[in-house]
Amino acid sequence: MQHNLLLRSVLPTFVPAGFVDVGHSTVRDARSGKTLVIVDSVQSIANHLEATIVTQPGQVIAGLEAMPFLRLTITDPHGRTRVTSSLELPHRLASGWFCRSANLKPFQQELAERILDDGIAAATFHYCPNSLLHGVFYSQLAGLDPNVAKTPRLLTAEVVARGAQSVADGGVAKDPLFPSGDGFDVEGLVGEKATAAEVGAGFIPFRHQAFIAEEIELAVYLAEGRIERLPLPDPAREVLTLLARLKLARLLAEPLDLRAHCIFQAEEVPAELSDPAALLKALQEKLAACRSLGLLANPAVTEFALTLGAAKEKSKKGKAAVAVAAAATEEDS
């Protein structure tokens, strides 16, 4: 499956992804001479796709309860808890939370044995089909040769703008309580001398760069050929293709809200992605078939809980070494 979908910016201008010390990713097309800008990267779109099937941390949308994933409850030293999962964590099933935490050694050994015995595709699919769809690298899982520890993403998407032109702008954020900082005890607030703007009071100038473009495109590619070559039964391969289509259909069913000042609407949605409900129903049927074949974890959600200990304070010797290293780095830069 391959689609190149034209997008319309909901706002007159848009702000692409930007990076510290790099700015926006732009390049001049050698063929047309037009400027191209990456609006949203492959990795970022993958996160947006995963978010379409998550209602809240550790919870999937209604109808996907049979799809396996790992859920983790983390308790900090103060007794506060938060929930996350292999649908949300960086590296998914290969996250260090699952593959390196000392308290999860039995699971890590079981996962490594499954990968060695059944192959990375079957083992990953068993615990989290989503992770197999988006690709995993078990770099932190002990006992695995790097040659069998990685599988590439099967669903890839990216947003690119062609014929892009930047619109440099700026302004000043005004604090209605202390518009000029007069009468504001900054030193009493932060314990040291500083300007009002430095602590978020008074006039705070900022630089703003937006873009306009001749054309904005969401390019999508599902590697169905590679899916067909996976050493998995037909129902498992169909789960992967249906899950990919369901995510794309749900992503395109409403405005593509990538971030503030970066919101788009697809000009036209392909027929195969126009009915999320029908795709979900088909996916449920294939998940049931996989379960009858013993391909999926039972229960579907593998639960883990970790309690974090208090952070150890660095020794004075350690702090001194860090300070020396930092100073050396500054001198070299």
C-alpha atoms as a PDB file:
ATOM      1  CA  MET A   1       0.000   0.000   0.000  1.00  0.00           C
ATOM      2  CA  GLN A   2       1.323   3.403  -0.979  1.00  0.00           C
ATOM      3  CA  HIS A   3      -0.474   6.742  -0.801  1.00  0.00           C
ATOM      4  CA  ASN A   4       0.601  10.324  -1.380  1.00  0.00           C
ATOM      5  CA  LEU A   5      -2.172  12.383   0.190  1.00  0.00           C
ATOM      6  CA  LEU A   6      -2.445  16.122  -0.316  1.00  0.00           C
ATOM      7  CA  LEU A   7      -3.020  18.063   2.891  1.00  0.00           C
ATOM      8  CA  ARG A   8      -4.556  21.479   3.407  1.00  0.00           C
ATOM      9  CA  SER A   9      -3.318  23.624   6.258  1.00  0.00           C
ATOM     10  CA  VAL A  10      -6.186  24.522   8.567  1.00  0.00           C
ATOM     11  CA  LEU A  11      -4.355  27.770   9.425  1.00  0.00           C
ATOM     12  CA  PRO A  12      -2.929  30.172   6.816  1.00  0.00           C
ATOM     13  CA  THR A  13       0.597  29.229   7.896  1.00  0.00           C
ATOM     14  CA  PHE A  14       2.178  26.242   9.652  1.00  0.00           C
ATOM     15  CA  VAL A  15       5.234  25.582  11.802  1.00  0.00           C
ATOM     16  CA  PRO A  16       7.234  22.448  10.889  1.00  0.00           C
ATOM     17  CA  ALA A  17       9.224  20.398  13.354  1.00  0.00           C
ATOM     18  CA  GLY A  18      12.313  22.231  14.580  1.00  0.00           C
ATOM     19  CA  PHE A  19      15.402  21.232  16.504  1.00  0.00           C
ATOM     20  CA  VAL A  20      17.739  23.111  18.824  1.00  0.00           C
ATOM     21  CA  ASP A  21      20.855  24.393  16.998  1.00  0.00           C
ATOM     22  CA  VAL A  22      19.482  22.950  13.725  1.00  0.00           C
ATOM     23  CA  GLY A  23      16.196  24.713  13.166  1.00  0.00           C
ATOM     24  CA  HIS A  24      13.828  23.396  10.526  1.00  0.00           C
ATOM     25  CA  SER A  25      14.887  20.631   8.133  1.00  0.00           C
ATOM     26  CA  THR A  26      14.891  22.224   4.687  1.00  0.00           C
ATOM     27  CA  VAL A  27      16.511  21.318   1.370  1.00  0.00           C
ATOM     28  CA  ARG A  28      16.375  22.637  -2.182  1.00  0.00           C
ATOM     29  CA  ASP A  29      15.066  20.109  -4.690  1.00  0.00           C
ATOM     30  CA  ALA A  30      17.761  19.686  -7.353  1.00  0.00           C
ATOM     31  CA  ARG A  31      15.157  18.957 -10.034  1.00  0.00           C
ATOM     32  CA  SER A  32      12.648  21.741  -9.445  1.00  0.00           C
ATOM     33  CA  GLY A  33      14.755  24.225  -7.498  1.00  0.00           C
ATOM     34  CA  LYS A  34      11.947  24.509  -4.951  1.00  0.00           C
ATOM     35  CA  THR A  35      12.492  24.406  -1.212  1.00  0.00           C
ATOM     36  CA  LEU A  36      11.307  21.292   0.613  1.00  0.00           C
ATOM     37  CA  VAL A  37      10.741  21.259   4.363  1.00  0.00           C
ATOM     38  CA  ILE A  38      10.077  18.237   6.550  1.00  0.00           C
ATOM     39  CA  VAL A  39       6.898  19.092   8.420  1.00  0.00           C
ATOM     40  CA  ASP A  40       6.793  15.911  10.491  1.00  0.00           C
ATOM     41  CA  SER A  41       9.325  13.072  10.557  1.00  0.00           C
ATOM     42  CA  VAL A  42       8.794   9.354  10.165  1.00  0.00           C
ATOM     43  CA  GLN A  43       9.379   8.842  13.885  1.00  0.00           C
ATOM     44  CA  SER A  44       6.909  11.552  14.859  1.00  0.00           C
ATOM     45  CA  ILE A  45       4.165  10.272  12.564  1.00  0.00           C
ATOM     46  CA  ALA A  46       4.670   6.803  14.049  1.00  0.00           C
ATOM     47  CA  ASN A  47       3.911   8.291  17.465  1.00  0.00           C
ATOM     48  CA  HIS A  48       0.761   9.940  16.117  1.00  0.00           C
ATOM     49  CA  LEU A  49      -0.341   6.658  14.551  1.00  0.00           C
ATOM     50  CA  GLU A  50       0.118   4.797  17.822  1.00  0.00           C
ATOM     51  CA  ALA A  51      -1.860   7.464  19.650  1.00  0.00           C
ATOM     52  CA  THR A  52      -4.913   6.664  17.511  1.00  0.00           C
ATOM     53  CA  ILE A  53      -5.436   3.369  19.354  1.00  0.00           C
ATOM     54  CA  VAL A  54      -4.692   4.623  22.888  1.00  0.00           C
ATOM     55  CA  THR A  55      -7.400   6.333  24.942  1.00  0.00           C
ATOM     56  CA  GLN A  56      -5.243   7.021  27.995  1.00  0.00           C
ATOM     57  CA  PRO A  57      -1.894   5.690  29.243  1.00  0.00           C
ATOM     58  CA  GLY A  58      -2.004   1.906  29.200  1.00  0.00           C
ATOM     59  CA  GLN A  59      -5.529   1.688  27.736  1.00  0.00           C
ATOM     60  CA  VAL A  60      -6.566   0.815  24.161  1.00  0.00           C
ATOM     61  CA  ILE A  61      -9.690   1.895  22.324  1.00  0.00           C
ATOM     62  CA  ALA A  62     -12.889  -0.127  22.701  1.00  0.00           C
ATOM     63  CA  GLY A  63     -12.796  -3.156  20.435  1.00  0.00           C
ATOM     64  CA  LEU A  64      -9.037  -3.757  20.632  1.00  0.00           C
ATOM     65  CA  GLU A  65      -9.032  -5.497  24.016  1.00  0.00           C
ATOM     66  CA  ALA A  66      -7.848  -8.740  22.364  1.00  0.00           C
ATOM     67  CA  MET A  67      -4.680  -7.152  20.951  1.00  0.00           C
ATOM     68  CA  PRO A  68      -1.685  -7.981  23.173  1.00  0.00           C
ATOM     69  CA  PHE A  69       0.628  -5.361  24.634  1.00  0.00           C
ATOM     70  CA  LEU A  70       2.690  -4.799  27.781  1.00  0.00           C
ATOM     71  CA  ARG A  71       1.468  -2.458  30.512  1.00  0.00           C
ATOM     72  CA  LEU A  72       3.744  -1.046  33.177  1.00  0.00           C
ATOM     73  CA  THR A  73       2.795   0.660  36.456  1.00  0.00           C
ATOM     74  CA  ILE A  74       5.664   2.685  37.922  1.00  0.00           C
ATOM     75  CA  THR A  75       5.675   3.876  41.537  1.00  0.00           C
ATOM     76  CA  ASP A  76       8.187   6.549  42.512  1.00  0.00           C
ATOM     77  CA  PRO A  77       9.865   6.863  45.952  1.00  0.00           C
ATOM     78  CA  HIS A  78       7.049   9.197  47.096  1.00  0.00           C
ATOM     79  CA  GLY A  79       4.324   6.662  46.338  1.00  0.00           C
ATOM     80  CA  ARG A  80       3.083   8.388  43.182  1.00  0.00           C
ATOM     81  CA  THR A  81       2.166   6.038  40.333  1.00  0.00           C
ATOM     82  CA  ARG A  82       1.962   6.409  36.587  1.00  0.00           C
ATOM     83  CA  VAL A  83       1.008   3.943  33.902  1.00  0.00           C
ATOM     84  CA  THR A  84       2.562   3.430  30.493  1.00  0.00           C
ATOM     85  CA  SER A  85       2.808   0.641  27.949  1.00  0.00           C
ATOM     86  CA  SER A  86       4.600  -0.823  24.945  1.00  0.00           C
ATOM     87  CA  LEU A  87       2.174   1.219  22.805  1.00  0.00           C
ATOM     88  CA  GLU A  88       3.618   4.479  24.132  1.00  0.00           C
ATOM     89  CA  LEU A  89       7.184   3.986  25.360  1.00  0.00           C
ATOM     90  CA  PRO A  90      10.154   4.778  23.110  1.00  0.00           C
ATOM     91  CA  HIS A  91      11.392   1.554  21.464  1.00  0.00           C
ATOM     92  CA  ARG A  92       8.054  -0.084  22.361  1.00  0.00           C
ATOM     93  CA  LEU A  93       8.536  -3.720  23.410  1.00  0.00           C
ATOM     94  CA  ALA A  94      12.305  -3.194  23.217  1.00  0.00           C
ATOM     95  CA  SER A  95      12.171  -0.379  25.791  1.00  0.00           C
ATOM     96  CA  GLY A  96      14.757  -0.522  28.548  1.00  0.00           C
ATOM     97  CA  TRP A  97      11.889  -0.581  31.044  1.00  0.00           C
ATOM     98  CA  PHE A  98      11.030  -4.078  29.790  1.00  0.00           C
ATOM     99  CA  CYS A  99      14.380  -5.343  28.519  1.00  0.00           C
ATOM    100  CA  ARG A 100      16.803  -4.060  31.140  1.00  0.00           C
ATOM    101  CA  SER A 101      14.993  -3.566  34.469  1.00  0.00           C
ATOM    102  CA  ALA A 102      16.523  -5.916  37.047  1.00  0.00           C
ATOM    103  CA  ASN A 103      13.101  -6.851  38.444  1.00  0.00           C
ATOM    104  CA  LEU A 104      11.907  -8.159  35.076  1.00  0.00           C
ATOM    105  CA  LYS A 105      14.658 -10.728  34.496  1.00  0.00           C
ATOM    106  CA  PRO A 106      12.239 -13.697  34.142  1.00  0.00           C
ATOM    107  CA  PHE A 107      10.322 -11.909  31.379  1.00  0.00           C
ATOM    108  CA  GLN A 108      13.545 -10.881  29.635  1.00  0.00           C
ATOM    109  CA  GLN A 109      14.765 -14.470  29.619  1.00  0.00           C
ATOM    110  CA  GLU A 110      11.413 -15.680  28.281  1.00  0.00           C
ATOM    111  CA  LEU A 111      11.383 -13.041  25.526  1.00  0.00           C
ATOM    112  CA  ALA A 112      14.974 -13.822  24.498  1.00  0.00           C
ATOM    113  CA  GLU A 113      14.201 -17.563  24.377  1.00  0.00           C
ATOM    114  CA  ARG A 114      11.108 -16.949  22.235  1.00  0.00           C
ATOM    115  CA  ILE A 115      13.144 -14.833  19.816  1.00  0.00           C
ATOM    116  CA  LEU A 116      15.814 -17.530  19.540  1.00  0.00           C
ATOM    117  CA  ASP A 117      13.320 -20.410  19.252  1.00  0.00           C
ATOM    118  CA  ASP A 118      10.489 -18.888  17.187  1.00  0.00           C
ATOM    119  CA  GLY A 119      12.140 -15.904  15.501  1.00  0.00           C
ATOM    120  CA  ILE A 120      11.857 -12.196  16.197  1.00  0.00           C
ATOM    121  CA  ALA A 121       8.628 -11.754  14.200  1.00  0.00           C
ATOM    122  CA  ALA A 122       6.651 -14.449  16.017  1.00  0.00           C
ATOM    123  CA  ALA A 123       8.030 -13.491  19.441  1.00  0.00           C
ATOM    124  CA  THR A 124       7.282  -9.798  19.001  1.00  0.00           C
ATOM    125  CA  PHE A 125       3.845 -10.492  17.526  1.00  0.00           C
ATOM    126  CA  HIS A 126       3.012 -12.736  20.500  1.00  0.00           C
ATOM    127  CA  TYR A 127       3.471  -9.940  23.043  1.00  0.00           C
ATOM    128  CA  CYS A 128       2.769  -6.803  20.993  1.00  0.00           C
ATOM    129  CA  PRO A 129       1.794  -6.817  17.279  1.00  0.00           C
ATOM    130  CA  ASN A 130       2.035  -3.011  17.311  1.00  0.00           C
ATOM    131  CA  SER A 131       5.763  -3.244  18.055  1.00  0.00           C
ATOM    132  CA  LEU A 132       6.309  -5.537  15.076  1.00  0.00           C
ATOM    133  CA  LEU A 133       4.419  -3.118  12.813  1.00  0.00           C
ATOM    134  CA  HIS A 134       6.575  -0.131  13.796  1.00  0.00           C
ATOM    135  CA  GLY A 135       9.875  -1.978  14.192  1.00  0.00           C
ATOM    136  CA  VAL A 136      11.976  -2.921  17.213  1.00  0.00           C
ATOM    137  CA  PHE A 137      15.644  -3.291  18.125  1.00  0.00           C
ATOM    138  CA  TYR A 138      16.296  -5.379  21.240  1.00  0.00           C
ATOM    139  CA  SER A 139      19.673  -3.756  21.858  1.00  0.00           C
ATOM    140  CA  GLN A 140      19.241  -3.926  25.647  1.00  0.00           C
ATOM    141  CA  LEU A 141      18.068  -7.539  25.831  1.00  0.00           C
ATOM    142  CA  ALA A 142      20.855  -9.799  27.089  1.00  0.00           C
ATOM    143  CA  GLY A 143      21.753 -13.016  25.307  1.00  0.00           C
ATOM    144  CA  LEU A 144      20.862 -11.966  21.750  1.00  0.00           C
ATOM    145  CA  ASP A 145      23.129 -11.691  18.751  1.00  0.00           C
ATOM    146  CA  PRO A 146      22.619  -8.306  17.019  1.00  0.00           C
ATOM    147  CA  ASN A 147      21.797 -10.190  13.809  1.00  0.00           C
ATOM    148  CA  VAL A 148      18.569 -11.547  15.327  1.00  0.00           C
ATOM    149  CA  ALA A 149      17.689  -8.609  17.579  1.00  0.00           C
ATOM    150  CA  LYS A 150      16.275  -6.150  15.063  1.00  0.00           C
ATOM    151  CA  THR A 151      13.311  -5.925  12.704  1.00  0.00           C
ATOM    152  CA  PRO A 152      12.571  -2.835  10.565  1.00  0.00           C
ATOM    153  CA  ARG A 153       9.374  -0.816  10.589  1.00  0.00           C
ATOM    154  CA  LEU A 154       6.667  -2.027   8.225  1.00  0.00           C
ATOM    155  CA  LEU A 155       4.572   1.152   8.223  1.00  0.00           C
ATOM    156  CA  THR A 156       6.285   4.405   7.261  1.00  0.00           C
ATOM    157  CA  ALA A 157       4.821   7.881   6.837  1.00  0.00           C
ATOM    158  CA  GLU A 158       6.142  11.429   6.592  1.00  0.00           C
ATOM    159  CA  VAL A 159       4.750  14.918   5.990  1.00  0.00           C
ATOM    160  CA  VAL A 160       6.696  17.116   3.568  1.00  0.00           C
ATOM    161  CA  ALA A 161       5.958  20.584   2.157  1.00  0.00           C
ATOM    162  CA  ARG A 162       7.124  21.554  -1.341  1.00  0.00           C
ATOM    163  CA  GLY A 163       7.671  25.069  -2.591  1.00  0.00           C
ATOM    164  CA  ALA A 164       7.970  26.199   1.025  1.00  0.00           C
ATOM    165  CA  GLN A 165       8.696  29.780   2.032  1.00  0.00           C
ATOM    166  CA  SER A 166       9.471  30.902   5.553  1.00  0.00           C
ATOM    167  CA  VAL A 167       7.701  33.784   7.223  1.00  0.00           C
ATOM    168  CA  ALA A 168       9.943  35.345   9.855  1.00  0.00           C
ATOM    169  CA  ASP A 169       8.003  36.961  12.663  1.00  0.00           C
ATOM    170  CA  GLY A 170       8.350  37.859  16.302  1.00  0.00           C
ATOM    171  CA  GLY A 171       6.598  39.443  19.168  1.00  0.00           C
ATOM    172  CA  VAL A 172       6.469  40.064  22.875  1.00  0.00           C
ATOM    173  CA  ALA A 173       4.570  38.056  25.464  1.00  0.00           C
ATOM    174  CA  LYS A 174       2.993  40.470  27.928  1.00  0.00           C
ATOM    175  CA  ASP A 175       2.461  39.621  31.588  1.00  0.00           C
ATOM    176  CA  PRO A 176      -0.814  41.368  32.543  1.00  0.00           C
ATOM    177  CA  LEU A 177       0.150  41.503  36.234  1.00  0.00           C
ATOM    178  CA  PHE A 178       3.606  42.985  35.798  1.00  0.00           C
ATOM    179  CA  PRO A 179       3.813  44.264  32.221  1.00  0.00           C
ATOM    180  CA  SER A 180       7.150  45.944  32.795  1.00  0.00           C
ATOM    181  CA  GLY A 181       8.360  44.097  35.875  1.00  0.00           C
ATOM    182  CA  ASP A 182       8.031  47.230  38.027  1.00  0.00           C
ATOM    183  CA  GLY A 183       7.349  46.427  41.629  1.00  0.00           C
ATOM    184  CA  PHE A 184       8.069  42.727  41.101  1.00  0.00           C
ATOM    185  CA  ASP A 185      10.488  41.244  43.636  1.00  0.00           C
ATOM    186  CA  VAL A 186      12.435  38.998  41.276  1.00  0.00           C
ATOM    187  CA  GLU A 187      15.249  38.312  43.722  1.00  0.00           C
ATOM    188  CA  GLY A 188      12.745  37.335  46.394  1.00  0.00           C
ATOM    189  CA  LEU A 189      11.144  34.874  43.984  1.00  0.00           C
ATOM    190  CA  VAL A 190      14.194  33.087  42.598  1.00  0.00           C
ATOM    191  CA  GLY A 191      16.813  33.864  45.222  1.00  0.00           C
ATOM    192  CA  GLU A 192      19.115  35.737  42.871  1.00  0.00           C
ATOM    193  CA  LYS A 193      19.216  38.827  40.744  1.00  0.00           C
ATOM    194  CA  ALA A 194      17.519  38.440  37.365  1.00  0.00           C
ATOM    195  CA  THR A 195      15.430  40.413  34.930  1.00  0.00           C
ATOM    196  CA  ALA A 196      11.649  40.165  35.060  1.00  0.00           C
ATOM    197  CA  ALA A 197      11.569  38.516  31.634  1.00  0.00           C
ATOM    198  CA  GLU A 198      13.959  35.770  32.769  1.00  0.00           C
ATOM    199  CA  VAL A 199      11.468  34.530  35.354  1.00  0.00           C
ATOM    200  CA  GLY A 200       8.414  34.855  33.144  1.00  0.00           C
ATOM    201  CA  ALA A 201       7.262  38.326  34.171  1.00  0.00           C
ATOM    202  CA  GLY A 202       7.123  41.524  32.165  1.00  0.00           C
ATOM    203  CA  PHE A 203       7.715  41.709  28.411  1.00  0.00           C
ATOM    204  CA  ILE A 204       9.240  38.509  26.994  1.00  0.00           C
ATOM    205  CA  PRO A 205      10.407  38.895  23.378  1.00  0.00           C
ATOM    206  CA  PHE A 206      10.348  35.838  21.159  1.00  0.00           C
ATOM    207  CA  ARG A 207      11.220  34.873  17.595  1.00  0.00           C
ATOM    208  CA  HIS A 208       8.652  33.051  15.490  1.00  0.00           C
ATOM    209  CA  GLN A 209       9.136  31.389  12.109  1.00  0.00           C
ATOM    210  CA  ALA A 210       6.195  29.957  10.199  1.00  0.00           C
ATOM    211  CA  PHE A 211       5.897  28.637   6.636  1.00  0.00           C
ATOM    212  CA  ILE A 212       3.608  28.665   3.653  1.00  0.00           C
ATOM    213  CA  ALA A 213       3.922  26.121   0.838  1.00  0.00           C
ATOM    214  CA  GLU A 214       2.641  25.343  -2.632  1.00  0.00           C
ATOM    215  CA  GLU A 215       1.885  21.746  -1.658  1.00  0.00           C
ATOM    216  CA  ILE A 216       1.845  19.698   1.548  1.00  0.00           C
ATOM    217  CA  GLU A 217       1.859  15.918   1.319  1.00  0.00           C
ATOM    218  CA  LEU A 218       1.462  12.970   3.654  1.00  0.00           C
ATOM    219  CA  ALA A 219       3.405  10.093   2.094  1.00  0.00           C
ATOM    220  CA  VAL A 220       2.487   6.632   3.408  1.00  0.00           C
ATOM    221  CA  TYR A 221       4.055   3.273   2.651  1.00  0.00           C
ATOM    222  CA  LEU A 222       3.043  -0.110   4.062  1.00  0.00           C
ATOM    223  CA  ALA A 223       5.611  -2.784   3.196  1.00  0.00           C
ATOM    224  CA  GLU A 224       3.096  -5.477   2.301  1.00  0.00           C
ATOM    225  CA  GLY A 225       5.749  -7.443   0.408  1.00  0.00           C
ATOM    226  CA  ARG A 226       7.862  -7.738   3.558  1.00  0.00           C
ATOM    227  CA  ILE A 227       4.765  -8.615   5.593  1.00  0.00           C
ATOM    228  CA  GLU A 228       4.018 -11.456   3.165  1.00  0.00           C
ATOM    229  CA  ARG A 229       7.552 -12.781   3.642  1.00  0.00           C
ATOM    230  CA  LEU A 230       7.340 -12.817   7.454  1.00  0.00           C
ATOM    231  CA  PRO A 231       7.439 -16.374   8.859  1.00  0.00           C
ATOM    232  CA  LEU A 232       3.943 -16.004  10.304  1.00  0.00           C
ATOM    233  CA  PRO A 233       0.581 -17.663   9.534  1.00  0.00           C
ATOM    234  CA  ASP A 234      -1.811 -15.788   7.256  1.00  0.00           C
ATOM    235  CA  PRO A 235      -4.067 -14.457  10.079  1.00  0.00           C
ATOM    236  CA  ALA A 236      -1.056 -12.852  11.779  1.00  0.00           C
ATOM    237  CA  ARG A 237       0.035 -11.106   8.583  1.00  0.00           C
ATOM    238  CA  GLU A 238      -3.528  -9.912   8.056  1.00  0.00           C
ATOM    239  CA  VAL A 239      -3.563  -8.491  11.595  1.00  0.00           C
ATOM    240  CA  LEU A 240      -0.544  -6.357  10.731  1.00  0.00           C
ATOM    241  CA  THR A 241      -2.033  -4.976   7.508  1.00  0.00           C
ATOM    242  CA  LEU A 242      -5.421  -4.311   9.124  1.00  0.00           C
ATOM    243  CA  LEU A 243      -3.829  -2.662  12.157  1.00  0.00           C
ATOM    244  CA  ALA A 244      -1.850  -0.355   9.848  1.00  0.00           C
ATOM    245  CA  ARG A 245      -4.965   0.585   7.881  1.00  0.00           C
ATOM    246  CA  LEU A 246      -7.012   1.110  11.043  1.00  0.00           C
ATOM    247  CA  LYS A 247      -4.436   3.513  12.437  1.00  0.00           C
ATOM    248  CA  LEU A 248      -4.239   5.478   9.200  1.00  0.00           C
ATOM    249  CA  ALA A 249      -8.037   5.589   8.893  1.00  0.00           C
ATOM    250  CA  ARG A 250      -8.402   6.918  12.451  1.00  0.00           C
ATOM    251  CA  LEU A 251      -5.594   9.425  11.874  1.00  0.00           C
ATOM    252  CA  LEU A 252      -7.296  10.811   8.764  1.00  0.00           C
ATOM    253  CA  ALA A 253     -10.832  10.760  10.196  1.00  0.00           C
ATOM    254  CA  GLU A 254     -10.203  14.151  11.825  1.00  0.00           C
ATOM    255  CA  PRO A 255      -7.789  17.047  11.301  1.00  0.00           C
ATOM    256  CA  LEU A 256      -4.163  15.966  11.503  1.00  0.00           C
ATOM    257  CA  ASP A 257      -3.159  17.915  14.623  1.00  0.00           C
ATOM    258  CA  LEU A 258       0.608  17.448  14.702  1.00  0.00           C
ATOM    259  CA  ARG A 259       1.358  20.252  17.167  1.00  0.00           C
ATOM    260  CA  ALA A 260       0.370  23.819  17.916  1.00  0.00           C
ATOM    261  CA  HIS A 261       0.284  25.855  14.686  1.00  0.00           C
ATOM    262  CA  CYS A 262       0.653  22.684  12.601  1.00  0.00           C
ATOM    263  CA  ILE A 263      -2.810  21.350  11.771  1.00  0.00           C
ATOM    264  CA  PHE A 264      -3.872  19.835   8.440  1.00  0.00           C
ATOM    265  CA  GLN A 265      -6.857  18.243   6.763  1.00  0.00           C
ATOM    266  CA  ALA A 266      -6.578  15.592   4.047  1.00  0.00           C
ATOM    267  CA  GLU A 267      -8.037  16.781   0.746  1.00  0.00           C
ATOM    268  CA  GLU A 268      -9.276  13.251   0.001  1.00  0.00           C
ATOM    269  CA  VAL A 269      -9.170   9.979   1.974  1.00  0.00           C
ATOM    270  CA  PRO A 270      -8.636   6.762  -0.016  1.00  0.00           C
ATOM    271  CA  ALA A 271     -11.578   4.355  -0.021  1.00  0.00           C
ATOM    272  CA  GLU A 272      -9.615   1.644   1.815  1.00  0.00           C
ATOM    273  CA  LEU A 273      -9.039   4.082   4.700  1.00  0.00           C
ATOM    274  CA  SER A 274     -12.476   5.684   4.814  1.00  0.00           C
ATOM    275  CA  ASP A 275     -14.270   3.282   7.210  1.00  0.00           C
ATOM    276  CA  PRO A 276     -12.448   2.818  10.558  1.00  0.00           C
ATOM    277  CA  ALA A 277     -15.374   0.849  12.035  1.00  0.00           C
ATOM    278  CA  ALA A 278     -15.253  -1.769   9.270  1.00  0.00           C
ATOM    279  CA  LEU A 279     -11.475  -2.082   9.611  1.00  0.00           C
ATOM    280  CA  LEU A 280     -11.787  -2.541  13.378  1.00  0.00           C
ATOM    281  CA  LYS A 281     -14.354  -5.312  12.908  1.00  0.00           C
ATOM    282  CA  ALA A 282     -12.143  -7.123  10.402  1.00  0.00           C
ATOM    283  CA  LEU A 283      -9.173  -6.748  12.754  1.00  0.00           C
ATOM    284  CA  GLN A 284     -11.164  -8.252  15.625  1.00  0.00           C
ATOM    285  CA  GLU A 285     -11.939 -11.321  13.496  1.00  0.00           C
ATOM    286  CA  LYS A 286      -8.274 -11.856  12.596  1.00  0.00           C
ATOM    287  CA  LEU A 287      -7.170 -11.376  16.216  1.00  0.00           C
ATOM    288  CA  ALA A 288      -9.668 -14.073  17.227  1.00  0.00           C
ATOM    289  CA  ALA A 289      -8.205 -16.386  14.570  1.00  0.00           C
ATOM    290  CA  CYS A 290      -4.688 -15.727  15.877  1.00  0.00           C
ATOM    291  CA  ARG A 291      -5.802 -16.443  19.413  1.00  0.00           C
ATOM    292  CA  SER A 292      -7.289 -19.791  18.368  1.00  0.00           C
ATOM    293  CA  LEU A 293      -3.884 -20.671  16.851  1.00  0.00           C
ATOM    294  CA  GLY A 294      -2.069 -19.768  20.079  1.00  0.00           C
ATOM    295  CA  LEU A 295      -0.152 -16.896  18.469  1.00  0.00           C
ATOM    296  CA  LEU A 296      -1.107 -14.256  21.046  1.00  0.00           C
ATOM    297  CA  ALA A 297      -0.299 -13.797  24.716  1.00  0.00           C
ATOM    298  CA  ASN A 298      -3.048 -14.865  27.088  1.00  0.00           C
ATOM    299  CA  PRO A 299      -4.150 -12.739  28.862  1.00  0.00           C
ATOM    300  CA  ALA A 300      -3.703 -10.101  26.170  1.00  0.00           C
ATOM    301  CA  VAL A 301      -2.228  -7.495  28.528  1.00  0.00           C
ATOM    302  CA  THR A 302       1.016  -8.548  30.208  1.00  0.00           C
ATOM    303  CA  GLU A 303       1.132  -6.567  33.447  1.00  0.00           C
ATOM    304  CA  PHE A 304       4.268  -5.364  35.218  1.00  0.00           C
ATOM    305  CA  ALA A 305       4.819  -3.112  38.234  1.00  0.00           C
ATOM    306  CA  LEU A 306       8.054  -1.419  39.285  1.00  0.00           C
ATOM    307  CA  THR A 307       8.834   0.588  42.423  1.00  0.00           C
ATOM    308  CA  LEU A 308      11.670   3.040  42.009  1.00  0.00           C
ATOM    309  CA  GLY A 309      14.147   3.583  44.805  1.00  0.00           C
ATOM    310  CA  ALA A 310      15.461   6.964  45.931  1.00  0.00           C
ATOM    311  CA  ALA A 311      18.175   8.352  43.679  1.00  0.00           C
ATOM    312  CA  LYS A 312      21.643   7.972  45.165  1.00  0.00           C
ATOM    313  CA  GLU A 313      23.438  11.226  45.789  1.00  0.00           C
ATOM    314  CA  LYS A 314      26.675  11.582  43.885  1.00  0.00           C
ATOM    315  CA  SER A 315      29.800  11.562  45.968  1.00  0.00           C
ATOM    316  CA  LYS A 316      31.858  14.727  46.189  1.00  0.00           C
ATOM    317  CA  LYS A 317      34.572  12.979  44.198  1.00  0.00           C
ATOM    318  CA  GLY A 318      32.058  12.065  41.499  1.00  0.00           C
ATOM    319  CA  LYS A 319      30.685  15.617  41.383  1.00  0.00           C
ATOM    320  CA  ALA A 320      34.217  16.998  41.044  1.00  0.00           C
ATOM    321  CA  ALA A 321      34.928  14.639  38.132  1.00  0.00           C
ATOM    322  CA  VAL A 322      31.737  15.752  36.385  1.00  0.00           C
ATOM    323  CA  ALA A 323      32.672  19.405  36.899  1.00  0.00           C
ATOM    324  CA  VAL A 324      36.152  18.854  35.440  1.00  0.00           C
ATOM    325  CA  ALA A 325      34.699  17.044  32.425  1.00  0.00           C
ATOM    326  CA  ALA A 326      32.191  19.845  31.848  1.00  0.00           C
ATOM    327  CA  ALA A 327      34.913  22.479  32.046  1.00  0.00           C
ATOM    328  CA  ALA A 328      37.058  20.559  29.553  1.00  0.00           C
ATOM    329  CA  THR A 329      34.138  20.310  27.166  1.00  0.00           C
ATOM    330  CA  GLU A 330      33.555  24.071  27.332  1.00  0.00           C
ATOM    331  CA  GLU A 331      37.223  24.740  26.584  1.00  0.00           C
ATOM    332  CA  ASP A 332      37.150  22.432  23.559  1.00  0.00           C
ATOM    333  CA  SER A 333      33.971  23.966  22.115  1.00  0.00           C
END
